[in-house]
Amino acid sequence: MPVVEEIDRRPKPRRSTRSIVASGLSPADLARLTAQGFRIETRTQGSIATEVIRLQVPRGVSVAQARQRVRLVDARASVDFDQFYYLDESTPACMGAECLSNSLVDWASLVQWSGSNASQCGPAPLIGVIDTGINVEHDALKDQAIQIMAQPARRATPSLQDHGTAIAALLVGRPGSQNPGLLPDAKLVAVDAFYRDGGTADRTDVTSLVSAIEALAERGVRVINMSLSGPANEVLQKAIAAAQAKGIVIIAAAGNNGAGAEPSYPAAYPDVFAVTAVDHELKVYRRATQGSYVDLSAPGVNVWTASAQGTGSLKSGTSYAVPFVSAAAGMLLASNPALDAKALQTRLEAYTRDLGRPGRDPTFGFGLIQMAGLCEPPADAPAIATVSDQPNALAGKGQTVDIP
């Protein structure tokens, strides 16, 4: 049946009007800036890249003027606006159990996924997720290997848990539940980097994202799922590049701003996997952002997944396509942990079903991800499993810790 999307038309601020972000500032630089009226609001650990600092600008000074003042203090520093990043989703009106005809299982044939794909690839991978909070008590996520890392400086208004719960279920949903996941035995390390302060929707910012990337890097994740997007940012780009230099694969949503919109970030940064969404008929999601940066396509229209306050609901958006590619990357690394990022990229691009114009195109990228054959089966291949008989993940589940 047709599904009508509920679109939130309230404005979403693109950036803070009272703060900017910078990296590469020395203690002497910071002393000069505080003497000019700047105030340090927060700073990252600087564990994978140069420390990022959020500066509150002096009263009566615009953020554009403040950015220029910092550049005059140290021209070598990276300085940019404190920009906001949002979730790439919309919520269809169909919410009940009758929507189960469009469940995750229906997508299996399109991406050539089965439970045996994951079981043949090797030990369960460790996957990082930067998203909203997650309801680990949801039926699909109970007893799954999920660790939630809270941001050190909690905002006044926490994020809603719906989006994070949906993404987690697509990745590691419990076998036998109404929301089985692609890699139910995988271990998930999730950072709740979002909040609702001063806005109408869950959002995050540059320092929150950099702190989340640092936390996941310290935990040893090789794949980070970022079902979010926003504008280009010089400071964030350097942090993304630093994570990639350590072998971390970043997989992000291509964006939901339409075919003629400007590129979405971090998806459009070099070597980040930009994932767009397609429907059951392999047509591109009507709101998907298009461009030369788009790498891969995956299911993302009317996908049934967990809902924080209920069993589940249909979801649409490039957000929900990202976990399919994150799962594929996780399978590859489980099969061959020594695989470097470039080799992984080449293999994922090769395991696609070409859509649209022959070869890579700005609508579908290299095409629809295909999971069969991504990793070779072991010498003694296990019996073929289904999504309903995969074993549960290991103990120590649903744990929440603070980022140091």
Foldseek 3Di string as FASTA:
>chain_A
DDWDWDDDPDDDDFADFFKKKKFDADPVLVVVQVVVPKDWDDWAPCPLHTIMTIIGHHPPATLVRVQVVSCVSPVPMFIGTWTKKAFFWIAIPFFDPVLLVQEPVLQCVVQVAFPLLQVQLAAAAEEEEEEAAAQCPAQFNPQFQEEEAEEPDDDPFGADHFLVNFLVLQAQGAFPASRFHRRVQHHYYYYRQWGQPPHDHTMHTQRSVLNSLSLVVVVPHQEYQASMWHDDGPSSLRSVVSSLVVQHAYEYEQHQQAAPDDTIPPLQRPRHAYEFAADPVRHGDGRGYWDPSHAAYFHFFQYWGQGSVDRTHGMHGSSNRRSVVRNLLSSLCNNPVVDGSVNSSVLQLVQADADDPPAADRRGHSHHGHSPPSHDGDPPRDDGDGSNPDDHYDGDHPHYHYRD
